[in-house]
Amino acid sequence: MTVPTLTDDTTHVDELRALEAESVHIIREVVAELERPVLLFSAGKDSIVLLRLAEKAFRPSPLPFPVLHVDTGHNFPEVIEFRDRRLGDAGHTLVVGSVQKSIDSGRAQEIGGPNASRNRLQTRTLLDALEAGHYDAAFGGARRDEERARAKERVLSFRDEFGQWDPRAQRPEPWSLYNGRIRRGEQVRVFPLSNWTELDIWRYIELEELELPSIYFAHEREVFERDGILLATSEFTSPSESESAAVEWVRYRTVGDLTITGAVRSHATDIAGVIAEISAATVSERGETRADDRTSIAAMEDRKREGYF
């Protein structure tokens, strides 16, 4: 008798189906217990997997909640095209929270300078969108393996009436039992992918044959290096006098505001190639490609305390 190894395809499928079942259970539990959930969708790989899990949780019925995208206005065009097509084809309700509108209305203030980014401004736009929709729960695609602050977070992450997170005031979740009771004005962020890894995400994408924005696979793009990160040349980002741009073969491990989301050099043009690269990677996706997480050791935790995803 042959003992299955960790590289055995059947073993991987069993592990993925177990993760899938756990995530579907979480989604159904929250919908049953709270009144107005919403699903956060960036059209990145994690939110694409999260959307598929939500669809599976309620098939053949439509999603019992809308999909919310916080749009910085500095997005990769390929991602926005994919967002509109994916949600439109499925008939899901899309709600867009616009950072630009937050700036125009005075709710948020644009930050200037060569390293300017709208990433932090998303918090105000998100909180306003949640309040406007009277949403009491927001599903997000964050995973614990992404970053140390996210590793601290429970599956159900409770926020006060101001949307703020206190890592010391989280509820226990013994035996996967979730207490979703909230007081008026409070919110809960829900992370059904908490126990998934980046490699799990890609293997599930392969298993389910999910479509992704093209930037996740190797392509030629003009980029320049800043603080060890390859940024795309665009109308919002350009090299300084001491920096130089060049066309290189790159792909993206994560999707975000293009002013702070870096590419990685790659020739992986298909899922098998990407999985091989990730299996050999020694740096997390955010650690390698997100400039906003390099401002300080506690950068992500500081933003989450303010109400970030």
C-alpha atoms as a PDB file:
ATOM      1  CA  MET A   1       0.000   0.000   0.000  1.00  0.00           C
ATOM      2  CA  THR A   2       1.361   3.399  -0.987  1.00  0.00           C
ATOM      3  CA  VAL A   3       1.203   6.073   1.671  1.00  0.00           C
ATOM      4  CA  PRO A   4       0.078   9.459   0.184  1.00  0.00           C
ATOM      5  CA  THR A   5       2.663  12.217   0.395  1.00  0.00           C
ATOM      6  CA  LEU A   6       2.085  15.933   0.739  1.00  0.00           C
ATOM      7  CA  THR A   7       2.670  16.256  -2.982  1.00  0.00           C
ATOM      8  CA  ASP A   8      -0.014  13.721  -3.841  1.00  0.00           C
ATOM      9  CA  ASP A   9      -2.823  15.346  -5.866  1.00  0.00           C
ATOM     10  CA  THR A  10      -5.554  13.494  -3.967  1.00  0.00           C
ATOM     11  CA  THR A  11      -4.197  14.743  -0.660  1.00  0.00           C
ATOM     12  CA  HIS A  12      -4.185  18.332  -1.908  1.00  0.00           C
ATOM     13  CA  VAL A  13      -7.789  18.024  -3.104  1.00  0.00           C
ATOM     14  CA  ASP A  14      -8.903  16.611   0.257  1.00  0.00           C
ATOM     15  CA  GLU A  15      -7.177  19.466   2.097  1.00  0.00           C
ATOM     16  CA  LEU A  16      -8.733  22.062  -0.196  1.00  0.00           C
ATOM     17  CA  ARG A  17     -12.219  20.599   0.159  1.00  0.00           C
ATOM     18  CA  ALA A  18     -11.819  20.666   3.958  1.00  0.00           C
ATOM     19  CA  LEU A  19     -10.834  24.347   3.810  1.00  0.00           C
ATOM     20  CA  GLU A  20     -13.722  25.000   1.437  1.00  0.00           C
ATOM     21  CA  ALA A  21     -16.214  23.362   3.809  1.00  0.00           C
ATOM     22  CA  GLU A  22     -14.926  25.404   6.754  1.00  0.00           C
ATOM     23  CA  SER A  23     -15.217  28.669   4.807  1.00  0.00           C
ATOM     24  CA  VAL A  24     -18.709  27.876   3.514  1.00  0.00           C
ATOM     25  CA  HIS A  25     -19.787  27.066   7.088  1.00  0.00           C
ATOM     26  CA  ILE A  26     -18.483  30.447   8.314  1.00  0.00           C
ATOM     27  CA  ILE A  27     -20.276  32.342   5.557  1.00  0.00           C
ATOM     28  CA  ARG A  28     -23.584  30.592   6.225  1.00  0.00           C
ATOM     29  CA  GLU A  29     -23.298  31.098   9.996  1.00  0.00           C
ATOM     30  CA  VAL A  30     -22.753  34.845   9.629  1.00  0.00           C
ATOM     31  CA  VAL A  31     -25.636  35.257   7.184  1.00  0.00           C
ATOM     32  CA  ALA A  32     -27.893  33.356   9.578  1.00  0.00           C
ATOM     33  CA  GLU A  33     -26.903  35.441  12.599  1.00  0.00           C
ATOM     34  CA  LEU A  34     -26.449  38.984  11.262  1.00  0.00           C
ATOM     35  CA  GLU A  35     -28.848  41.188   9.329  1.00  0.00           C
ATOM     36  CA  ARG A  36     -26.960  43.038   6.573  1.00  0.00           C
ATOM     37  CA  PRO A  37     -23.705  41.443   5.422  1.00  0.00           C
ATOM     38  CA  VAL A  38     -21.647  42.607   2.449  1.00  0.00           C
ATOM     39  CA  LEU A  39     -18.708  40.981   0.646  1.00  0.00           C
ATOM     40  CA  LEU A  40     -15.548  43.042   0.086  1.00  0.00           C
ATOM     41  CA  PHE A  41     -14.201  42.462  -3.424  1.00  0.00           C
ATOM     42  CA  SER A  42     -10.994  43.839  -4.909  1.00  0.00           C
ATOM     43  CA  ALA A  43     -10.897  41.470  -7.916  1.00  0.00           C
ATOM     44  CA  GLY A  44      -7.691  40.071  -6.421  1.00  0.00           C
ATOM     45  CA  LYS A  45      -7.101  36.325  -6.169  1.00  0.00           C
ATOM     46  CA  ASP A  46      -8.250  36.028  -2.538  1.00  0.00           C
ATOM     47  CA  SER A  47     -11.508  37.895  -3.074  1.00  0.00           C
ATOM     48  CA  ILE A  48     -12.111  35.858  -6.249  1.00  0.00           C
ATOM     49  CA  VAL A  49     -11.831  32.658  -4.199  1.00  0.00           C
ATOM     50  CA  LEU A  50     -14.004  34.184  -1.460  1.00  0.00           C
ATOM     51  CA  LEU A  51     -16.683  35.065  -4.015  1.00  0.00           C
ATOM     52  CA  ARG A  52     -16.682  31.523  -5.381  1.00  0.00           C
ATOM     53  CA  LEU A  53     -17.093  30.135  -1.848  1.00  0.00           C
ATOM     54  CA  ALA A  54     -20.005  32.505  -1.187  1.00  0.00           C
ATOM     55  CA  GLU A  55     -21.657  31.430  -4.430  1.00  0.00           C
ATOM     56  CA  LYS A  56     -21.253  27.782  -3.416  1.00  0.00           C
ATOM     57  CA  ALA A  57     -22.709  28.508   0.024  1.00  0.00           C
ATOM     58  CA  PHE A  58     -26.061  29.601  -1.402  1.00  0.00           C
ATOM     59  CA  ARG A  59     -26.446  27.876  -4.764  1.00  0.00           C
ATOM     60  CA  PRO A  60     -28.778  27.735  -6.588  1.00  0.00           C
ATOM     61  CA  SER A  61     -30.063  30.916  -4.923  1.00  0.00           C
ATOM     62  CA  PRO A  62     -28.417  34.268  -5.677  1.00  0.00           C
ATOM     63  CA  LEU A  63     -26.056  35.846  -3.167  1.00  0.00           C
ATOM     64  CA  PRO A  64     -28.108  37.216  -0.248  1.00  0.00           C
ATOM     65  CA  PHE A  65     -25.834  40.254   0.016  1.00  0.00           C
ATOM     66  CA  PRO A  66     -24.149  42.796  -2.292  1.00  0.00           C
ATOM     67  CA  VAL A  67     -20.477  43.058  -3.241  1.00  0.00           C
ATOM     68  CA  LEU A  68     -18.503  46.158  -2.190  1.00  0.00           C
ATOM     69  CA  HIS A  69     -15.341  47.439  -3.862  1.00  0.00           C
ATOM     70  CA  VAL A  70     -13.379  50.311  -2.317  1.00  0.00           C
ATOM     71  CA  ASP A  71     -11.971  52.001  -5.413  1.00  0.00           C
ATOM     72  CA  THR A  72      -8.847  54.133  -4.905  1.00  0.00           C
ATOM     73  CA  GLY A  73      -9.010  55.458  -8.475  1.00  0.00           C
ATOM     74  CA  HIS A  74      -5.421  54.237  -8.924  1.00  0.00           C
ATOM     75  CA  ASN A  75      -6.216  50.715 -10.042  1.00  0.00           C
ATOM     76  CA  PHE A  76      -4.713  48.456 -12.666  1.00  0.00           C
ATOM     77  CA  PRO A  77      -7.060  48.731 -15.689  1.00  0.00           C
ATOM     78  CA  GLU A  78      -6.997  44.947 -16.145  1.00  0.00           C
ATOM     79  CA  VAL A  79      -8.384  44.519 -12.643  1.00  0.00           C
ATOM     80  CA  ILE A  80     -11.308  46.918 -13.063  1.00  0.00           C
ATOM     81  CA  GLU A  81     -12.223  45.310 -16.393  1.00  0.00           C
ATOM     82  CA  PHE A  82     -12.219  41.903 -14.713  1.00  0.00           C
ATOM     83  CA  ARG A  83     -14.269  43.166 -11.739  1.00  0.00           C
ATOM     84  CA  ASP A  84     -17.048  44.522 -13.910  1.00  0.00           C
ATOM     85  CA  ARG A  85     -17.167  41.473 -16.173  1.00  0.00           C
ATOM     86  CA  ARG A  86     -17.025  38.872 -13.373  1.00  0.00           C
ATOM     87  CA  LEU A  87     -19.740  40.470 -11.273  1.00  0.00           C
ATOM     88  CA  GLY A  88     -21.865  41.478 -14.259  1.00  0.00           C
ATOM     89  CA  ASP A  89     -21.853  37.989 -15.773  1.00  0.00           C
ATOM     90  CA  ALA A  90     -22.894  36.505 -12.427  1.00  0.00           C
ATOM     91  CA  GLY A  91     -25.627  39.099 -11.844  1.00  0.00           C
ATOM     92  CA  HIS A  92     -24.235  40.215  -8.472  1.00  0.00           C
ATOM     93  CA  THR A  93     -25.020  43.645  -7.053  1.00  0.00           C
ATOM     94  CA  LEU A  94     -21.902  45.839  -7.032  1.00  0.00           C
ATOM     95  CA  VAL A  95     -21.515  48.778  -4.648  1.00  0.00           C
ATOM     96  CA  VAL A  96     -18.487  51.008  -5.250  1.00  0.00           C
ATOM     97  CA  GLY A  97     -16.982  53.171  -2.529  1.00  0.00           C
ATOM     98  CA  SER A  98     -14.909  55.851  -4.245  1.00  0.00           C
ATOM     99  CA  VAL A  99     -11.822  57.310  -2.582  1.00  0.00           C
ATOM    100  CA  GLN A 100     -11.925  60.132  -5.134  1.00  0.00           C
ATOM    101  CA  LYS A 101     -15.433  61.064  -3.971  1.00  0.00           C
ATOM    102  CA  SER A 102     -14.207  60.998  -0.365  1.00  0.00           C
ATOM    103  CA  ILE A 103     -11.478  63.463  -1.350  1.00  0.00           C
ATOM    104  CA  ASP A 104     -13.851  65.685  -3.331  1.00  0.00           C
ATOM    105  CA  SER A 105     -16.298  65.837  -0.410  1.00  0.00           C
ATOM    106  CA  GLY A 106     -13.577  66.641   2.122  1.00  0.00           C
ATOM    107  CA  ARG A 107     -13.994  63.333   3.955  1.00  0.00           C
ATOM    108  CA  ALA A 108     -10.404  62.390   3.099  1.00  0.00           C
ATOM    109  CA  GLN A 109      -7.325  64.440   2.297  1.00  0.00           C
ATOM    110  CA  GLU A 110      -5.000  63.600  -0.589  1.00  0.00           C
ATOM    111  CA  ILE A 111      -1.392  63.027   0.433  1.00  0.00           C
ATOM    112  CA  GLY A 112       1.321  64.524  -1.773  1.00  0.00           C
ATOM    113  CA  GLY A 113       4.968  63.758  -2.396  1.00  0.00           C
ATOM    114  CA  PRO A 114       6.917  61.210  -4.449  1.00  0.00           C
ATOM    115  CA  ASN A 115       5.693  58.292  -2.317  1.00  0.00           C
ATOM    116  CA  ALA A 116       2.092  59.471  -2.146  1.00  0.00           C
ATOM    117  CA  SER A 117      -0.541  56.748  -1.975  1.00  0.00           C
ATOM    118  CA  ARG A 118      -4.284  56.590  -1.499  1.00  0.00           C
ATOM    119  CA  ASN A 119      -4.061  53.279   0.293  1.00  0.00           C
ATOM    120  CA  ARG A 120      -4.597  54.683   3.773  1.00  0.00           C
ATOM    121  CA  LEU A 121      -7.481  56.821   2.496  1.00  0.00           C
ATOM    122  CA  GLN A 122      -9.433  53.624   1.803  1.00  0.00           C
ATOM    123  CA  THR A 123     -10.270  53.360   5.503  1.00  0.00           C
ATOM    124  CA  ARG A 124     -12.462  56.459   5.514  1.00  0.00           C
ATOM    125  CA  THR A 125     -14.184  55.413   2.287  1.00  0.00           C
ATOM    126  CA  LEU A 126     -14.807  51.900   3.620  1.00  0.00           C
ATOM    127  CA  LEU A 127     -16.268  53.098   6.915  1.00  0.00           C
ATOM    128  CA  ASP A 128     -18.529  55.565   5.110  1.00  0.00           C
ATOM    129  CA  ALA A 129     -19.715  52.864   2.688  1.00  0.00           C
ATOM    130  CA  LEU A 130     -20.469  50.447   5.530  1.00  0.00           C
ATOM    131  CA  GLU A 131     -22.418  53.134   7.361  1.00  0.00           C
ATOM    132  CA  ALA A 132     -24.327  54.213   4.253  1.00  0.00           C
ATOM    133  CA  GLY A 133     -25.378  50.635   3.551  1.00  0.00           C
ATOM    134  CA  HIS A 134     -26.151  49.903   7.208  1.00  0.00           C
ATOM    135  CA  TYR A 135     -23.952  46.801   6.898  1.00  0.00           C
ATOM    136  CA  ASP A 136     -23.232  44.993  10.142  1.00  0.00           C
ATOM    137  CA  ALA A 137     -20.857  42.360   8.729  1.00  0.00           C
ATOM    138  CA  ALA A 138     -18.248  42.568   5.979  1.00  0.00           C
ATOM    139  CA  PHE A 139     -16.667  39.444   4.501  1.00  0.00           C
ATOM    140  CA  GLY A 140     -13.005  39.934   3.572  1.00  0.00           C
ATOM    141  CA  GLY A 141     -10.378  37.751   1.920  1.00  0.00           C
ATOM    142  CA  ALA A 142      -7.540  38.317   4.406  1.00  0.00           C
ATOM    143  CA  ARG A 143      -5.452  35.328   5.453  1.00  0.00           C
ATOM    144  CA  ARG A 144      -3.400  34.869   8.625  1.00  0.00           C
ATOM    145  CA  ASP A 145      -0.234  33.996   6.705  1.00  0.00           C
ATOM    146  CA  GLU A 146      -0.153  37.364   4.931  1.00  0.00           C
ATOM    147  CA  GLU A 147       1.090  39.616   7.708  1.00  0.00           C
ATOM    148  CA  ARG A 148       1.720  39.587  11.468  1.00  0.00           C
ATOM    149  CA  ALA A 149      -1.226  41.860  12.354  1.00  0.00           C
ATOM    150  CA  ARG A 150      -3.594  39.657  10.373  1.00  0.00           C
ATOM    151  CA  ALA A 151      -2.198  36.629  12.179  1.00  0.00           C
ATOM    152  CA  LYS A 152      -3.560  38.159  15.412  1.00  0.00           C
ATOM    153  CA  GLU A 153      -7.075  38.454  14.070  1.00  0.00           C
ATOM    154  CA  ARG A 154      -9.862  35.964  14.709  1.00  0.00           C
ATOM    155  CA  VAL A 155     -12.252  34.694  12.033  1.00  0.00           C
ATOM    156  CA  LEU A 156     -14.849  37.137  13.384  1.00  0.00           C
ATOM    157  CA  SER A 157     -13.111  40.453  14.056  1.00  0.00           C
ATOM    158  CA  PHE A 158     -15.298  42.849  16.000  1.00  0.00           C
ATOM    159  CA  ARG A 159     -15.147  46.608  15.469  1.00  0.00           C
ATOM    160  CA  ASP A 160     -16.639  49.312  17.671  1.00  0.00           C
ATOM    161  CA  GLU A 161     -19.114  51.977  16.589  1.00  0.00           C
ATOM    162  CA  PHE A 162     -16.232  53.885  14.980  1.00  0.00           C
ATOM    163  CA  GLY A 163     -15.057  50.856  13.008  1.00  0.00           C
ATOM    164  CA  GLN A 164     -11.915  50.528  15.129  1.00  0.00           C
ATOM    165  CA  TRP A 165     -10.223  47.248  16.060  1.00  0.00           C
ATOM    166  CA  ASP A 166      -8.805  46.391  19.471  1.00  0.00           C
ATOM    167  CA  PRO A 167      -6.642  43.233  19.246  1.00  0.00           C
ATOM    168  CA  ARG A 168      -6.959  42.769  23.032  1.00  0.00           C
ATOM    169  CA  ALA A 169     -10.761  42.640  22.957  1.00  0.00           C
ATOM    170  CA  GLN A 170     -11.392  39.680  20.677  1.00  0.00           C
ATOM    171  CA  ARG A 171     -13.764  36.853  21.440  1.00  0.00           C
ATOM    172  CA  PRO A 172     -12.622  33.241  21.816  1.00  0.00           C
ATOM    173  CA  GLU A 173     -13.596  30.846  19.025  1.00  0.00           C
ATOM    174  CA  PRO A 174     -13.261  27.370  20.617  1.00  0.00           C
ATOM    175  CA  TRP A 175     -14.106  24.378  18.429  1.00  0.00           C
ATOM    176  CA  SER A 176     -14.962  26.740  15.524  1.00  0.00           C
ATOM    177  CA  LEU A 177     -17.915  28.175  17.426  1.00  0.00           C
ATOM    178  CA  TYR A 178     -18.547  31.805  16.452  1.00  0.00           C
ATOM    179  CA  ASN A 179     -20.418  34.379  18.523  1.00  0.00           C
ATOM    180  CA  GLY A 180     -21.729  36.990  16.092  1.00  0.00           C
ATOM    181  CA  ARG A 181     -23.814  39.017  18.529  1.00  0.00           C
ATOM    182  CA  ILE A 182     -23.133  42.728  18.269  1.00  0.00           C
ATOM    183  CA  ARG A 183     -24.456  45.861  19.900  1.00  0.00           C
ATOM    184  CA  ARG A 184     -26.122  48.602  17.896  1.00  0.00           C
ATOM    185  CA  GLY A 185     -23.540  50.526  15.884  1.00  0.00           C
ATOM    186  CA  GLU A 186     -20.884  47.815  16.066  1.00  0.00           C
ATOM    187  CA  GLN A 187     -19.609  45.907  13.027  1.00  0.00           C
ATOM    188  CA  VAL A 188     -17.873  42.606  12.461  1.00  0.00           C
ATOM    189  CA  ARG A 189     -15.303  41.818   9.783  1.00  0.00           C
ATOM    190  CA  VAL A 190     -15.420  38.176   8.777  1.00  0.00           C
ATOM    191  CA  PHE A 191     -12.420  36.315   7.328  1.00  0.00           C
ATOM    192  CA  PRO A 192     -13.464  32.883   5.996  1.00  0.00           C
ATOM    193  CA  LEU A 193     -10.008  32.412   4.418  1.00  0.00           C
ATOM    194  CA  SER A 194      -8.137  32.862   7.704  1.00  0.00           C
ATOM    195  CA  ASN A 195      -6.690  29.339   7.677  1.00  0.00           C
ATOM    196  CA  TRP A 196      -5.752  29.311   3.976  1.00  0.00           C
ATOM    197  CA  THR A 197      -2.248  29.986   2.664  1.00  0.00           C
ATOM    198  CA  GLU A 198      -1.162  31.647  -0.568  1.00  0.00           C
ATOM    199  CA  LEU A 199      -0.396  28.200  -1.960  1.00  0.00           C
ATOM    200  CA  ASP A 200      -3.861  26.936  -0.947  1.00  0.00           C
ATOM    201  CA  ILE A 201      -5.419  29.841  -2.822  1.00  0.00           C
ATOM    202  CA  TRP A 202      -3.551  29.037  -6.034  1.00  0.00           C
ATOM    203  CA  ARG A 203      -4.268  25.315  -5.794  1.00  0.00           C
ATOM    204  CA  TYR A 204      -7.959  26.075  -5.297  1.00  0.00           C
ATOM    205  CA  ILE A 205      -7.925  28.401  -8.308  1.00  0.00           C
ATOM    206  CA  GLU A 206      -6.430  25.537 -10.311  1.00  0.00           C
ATOM    207  CA  LEU A 207      -8.933  23.020  -8.921  1.00  0.00           C
ATOM    208  CA  GLU A 208     -11.962  25.209  -9.620  1.00  0.00           C
ATOM    209  CA  GLU A 209     -10.558  26.588 -12.894  1.00  0.00           C
ATOM    210  CA  LEU A 210     -11.184  30.159 -11.748  1.00  0.00           C
ATOM    211  CA  GLU A 211     -10.403  33.057 -14.060  1.00  0.00           C
ATOM    212  CA  LEU A 212      -8.029  35.757 -12.808  1.00  0.00           C
ATOM    213  CA  PRO A 213      -6.988  39.207 -14.019  1.00  0.00           C
ATOM    214  CA  SER A 214      -4.155  38.808 -16.526  1.00  0.00           C
ATOM    215  CA  ILE A 215      -1.626  40.670 -14.342  1.00  0.00           C
ATOM    216  CA  TYR A 216      -1.298  37.583 -12.112  1.00  0.00           C
ATOM    217  CA  PHE A 217       0.652  35.871 -14.875  1.00  0.00           C
ATOM    218  CA  ALA A 218       4.001  36.861 -16.407  1.00  0.00           C
ATOM    219  CA  HIS A 219       3.849  39.593 -19.025  1.00  0.00           C
ATOM    220  CA  GLU A 220       6.009  42.426 -20.272  1.00  0.00           C
ATOM    221  CA  ARG A 221       5.536  45.721 -18.435  1.00  0.00           C
ATOM    222  CA  GLU A 222       7.544  48.893 -17.998  1.00  0.00           C
ATOM    223  CA  VAL A 223       8.648  49.066 -14.375  1.00  0.00           C
ATOM    224  CA  PHE A 224      11.160  50.881 -12.200  1.00  0.00           C
ATOM    225  CA  GLU A 225      12.680  49.939  -8.863  1.00  0.00           C
ATOM    226  CA  ARG A 226      12.032  52.010  -5.732  1.00  0.00           C
ATOM    227  CA  ASP A 227      13.089  50.864  -2.273  1.00  0.00           C
ATOM    228  CA  GLY A 228      13.466  47.328  -3.547  1.00  0.00           C
ATOM    229  CA  ILE A 229       9.988  47.185  -5.106  1.00  0.00           C
ATOM    230  CA  LEU A 230       9.208  47.062  -8.840  1.00  0.00           C
ATOM    231  CA  LEU A 231       6.504  49.660  -9.526  1.00  0.00           C
ATOM    232  CA  ALA A 232       4.664  49.987 -12.820  1.00  0.00           C
ATOM    233  CA  THR A 233       5.180  53.145 -14.850  1.00  0.00           C
ATOM    234  CA  SER A 234       1.786  54.847 -15.161  1.00  0.00           C
ATOM    235  CA  GLU A 235       0.065  58.221 -15.039  1.00  0.00           C
ATOM    236  CA  PHE A 236       0.231  57.952 -11.239  1.00  0.00           C
ATOM    237  CA  THR A 237       3.732  56.514 -10.810  1.00  0.00           C
ATOM    238  CA  SER A 238       6.904  57.432 -12.642  1.00  0.00           C
ATOM    239  CA  PRO A 239      10.633  57.136 -11.947  1.00  0.00           C
ATOM    240  CA  SER A 240      12.492  60.029 -10.375  1.00  0.00           C
ATOM    241  CA  GLU A 241      15.701  61.450 -11.855  1.00  0.00           C
ATOM    242  CA  SER A 242      17.739  58.872  -9.945  1.00  0.00           C
ATOM    243  CA  GLU A 243      15.536  55.973 -11.059  1.00  0.00           C
ATOM    244  CA  SER A 244      15.257  54.371 -14.470  1.00  0.00           C
ATOM    245  CA  ALA A 245      12.438  52.445 -16.124  1.00  0.00           C
ATOM    246  CA  ALA A 246      12.803  49.303 -18.206  1.00  0.00           C
ATOM    247  CA  VAL A 247      10.505  46.753 -19.814  1.00  0.00           C
ATOM    248  CA  GLU A 248      10.728  43.459 -17.934  1.00  0.00           C
ATOM    249  CA  TRP A 249       8.878  40.170 -17.604  1.00  0.00           C
ATOM    250  CA  VAL A 250       6.871  40.429 -14.381  1.00  0.00           C
ATOM    251  CA  ARG A 251       3.730  39.254 -12.641  1.00  0.00           C
ATOM    252  CA  TYR A 252       1.847  40.341  -9.526  1.00  0.00           C
ATOM    253  CA  ARG A 253       1.434  38.265  -6.383  1.00  0.00           C
ATOM    254  CA  THR A 254      -1.189  40.598  -4.949  1.00  0.00           C
ATOM    255  CA  VAL A 255      -3.504  43.285  -6.327  1.00  0.00           C
ATOM    256  CA  GLY A 256      -3.902  46.742  -4.839  1.00  0.00           C
ATOM    257  CA  ASP A 257      -3.382  50.428  -5.509  1.00  0.00           C
ATOM    258  CA  LEU A 258      -0.808  50.489  -8.309  1.00  0.00           C
ATOM    259  CA  THR A 259       1.150  53.268  -6.569  1.00  0.00           C
ATOM    260  CA  ILE A 260       2.236  50.886  -3.779  1.00  0.00           C
ATOM    261  CA  THR A 261       1.816  47.400  -5.275  1.00  0.00           C
ATOM    262  CA  GLY A 262       4.998  45.920  -6.664  1.00  0.00           C
ATOM    263  CA  ALA A 263       5.597  43.272  -9.302  1.00  0.00           C
ATOM    264  CA  VAL A 264       7.963  40.316  -9.142  1.00  0.00           C
ATOM    265  CA  ARG A 265      10.229  39.240 -11.964  1.00  0.00           C
ATOM    266  CA  SER A 266       8.768  36.084 -13.437  1.00  0.00           C
ATOM    267  CA  HIS A 267       8.263  33.942 -16.525  1.00  0.00           C
ATOM    268  CA  ALA A 268       5.336  31.992 -15.028  1.00  0.00           C
ATOM    269  CA  THR A 269       2.627  32.324 -17.659  1.00  0.00           C
ATOM    270  CA  ASP A 270       0.295  29.671 -16.256  1.00  0.00           C
ATOM    271  CA  ILE A 271      -0.961  28.399 -12.899  1.00  0.00           C
ATOM    272  CA  ALA A 272       1.509  25.528 -12.745  1.00  0.00           C
ATOM    273  CA  GLY A 273       4.393  27.973 -13.144  1.00  0.00           C
ATOM    274  CA  VAL A 274       3.022  30.303 -10.473  1.00  0.00           C
ATOM    275  CA  ILE A 275       2.536  27.408  -8.017  1.00  0.00           C
ATOM    276  CA  ALA A 276       6.130  26.317  -8.596  1.00  0.00           C
ATOM    277  CA  GLU A 277       7.413  29.842  -7.870  1.00  0.00           C
ATOM    278  CA  ILE A 278       5.289  30.238  -4.734  1.00  0.00           C
ATOM    279  CA  SER A 279       6.390  26.838  -3.426  1.00  0.00           C
ATOM    280  CA  ALA A 280       9.985  28.044  -3.596  1.00  0.00           C
ATOM    281  CA  ALA A 281       9.332  31.571  -2.244  1.00  0.00           C
ATOM    282  CA  THR A 282      10.868  32.556   1.087  1.00  0.00           C
ATOM    283  CA  VAL A 283       9.211  35.993   1.429  1.00  0.00           C
ATOM    284  CA  SER A 284       5.472  36.583   1.902  1.00  0.00           C
ATOM    285  CA  GLU A 285       3.529  38.242  -0.877  1.00  0.00           C
ATOM    286  CA  ARG A 286       2.932  41.447   1.097  1.00  0.00           C
ATOM    287  CA  GLY A 287       6.492  41.507   2.371  1.00  0.00           C
ATOM    288  CA  GLU A 288       7.828  41.304  -1.168  1.00  0.00           C
ATOM    289  CA  THR A 289       5.390  43.540  -3.020  1.00  0.00           C
ATOM    290  CA  ARG A 290       3.544  46.021  -0.762  1.00  0.00           C
ATOM    291  CA  ALA A 291       5.299  49.314  -0.063  1.00  0.00           C
ATOM    292  CA  ASP A 292       2.622  50.383   2.441  1.00  0.00           C
ATOM    293  CA  ASP A 293       3.626  47.573   4.812  1.00  0.00           C
ATOM    294  CA  ARG A 294       7.234  48.791   4.942  1.00  0.00           C
ATOM    295  CA  THR A 295       6.569  52.157   6.569  1.00  0.00           C
ATOM    296  CA  SER A 296       6.925  50.589  10.020  1.00  0.00           C
ATOM    297  CA  ILE A 297       6.857  47.186  11.707  1.00  0.00           C
ATOM    298  CA  ALA A 298       3.312  47.869  12.918  1.00  0.00           C
ATOM    299  CA  ALA A 299       2.042  49.583   9.744  1.00  0.00           C
ATOM    300  CA  MET A 300      -0.774  47.112   9.068  1.00  0.00           C
ATOM    301  CA  GLU A 301      -1.845  46.914  12.707  1.00  0.00           C
ATOM    302  CA  ASP A 302      -2.034  50.706  12.928  1.00  0.00           C
ATOM    303  CA  ARG A 303      -4.298  50.828   9.875  1.00  0.00           C
ATOM    304  CA  LYS A 304      -6.493  48.020  11.170  1.00  0.00           C
ATOM    305  CA  ARG A 305      -6.960  49.841  14.486  1.00  0.00           C
ATOM    306  CA  GLU A 306      -8.286  52.782  12.450  1.00  0.00           C
ATOM    307  CA  GLY A 307     -10.800  50.590  10.619  1.00  0.00           C
ATOM    308  CA  TYR A 308      -8.850  49.122   7.676  1.00  0.00           C
ATOM    309  CA  PHE A 309      -9.776  45.770   6.135  1.00  0.00           C
END
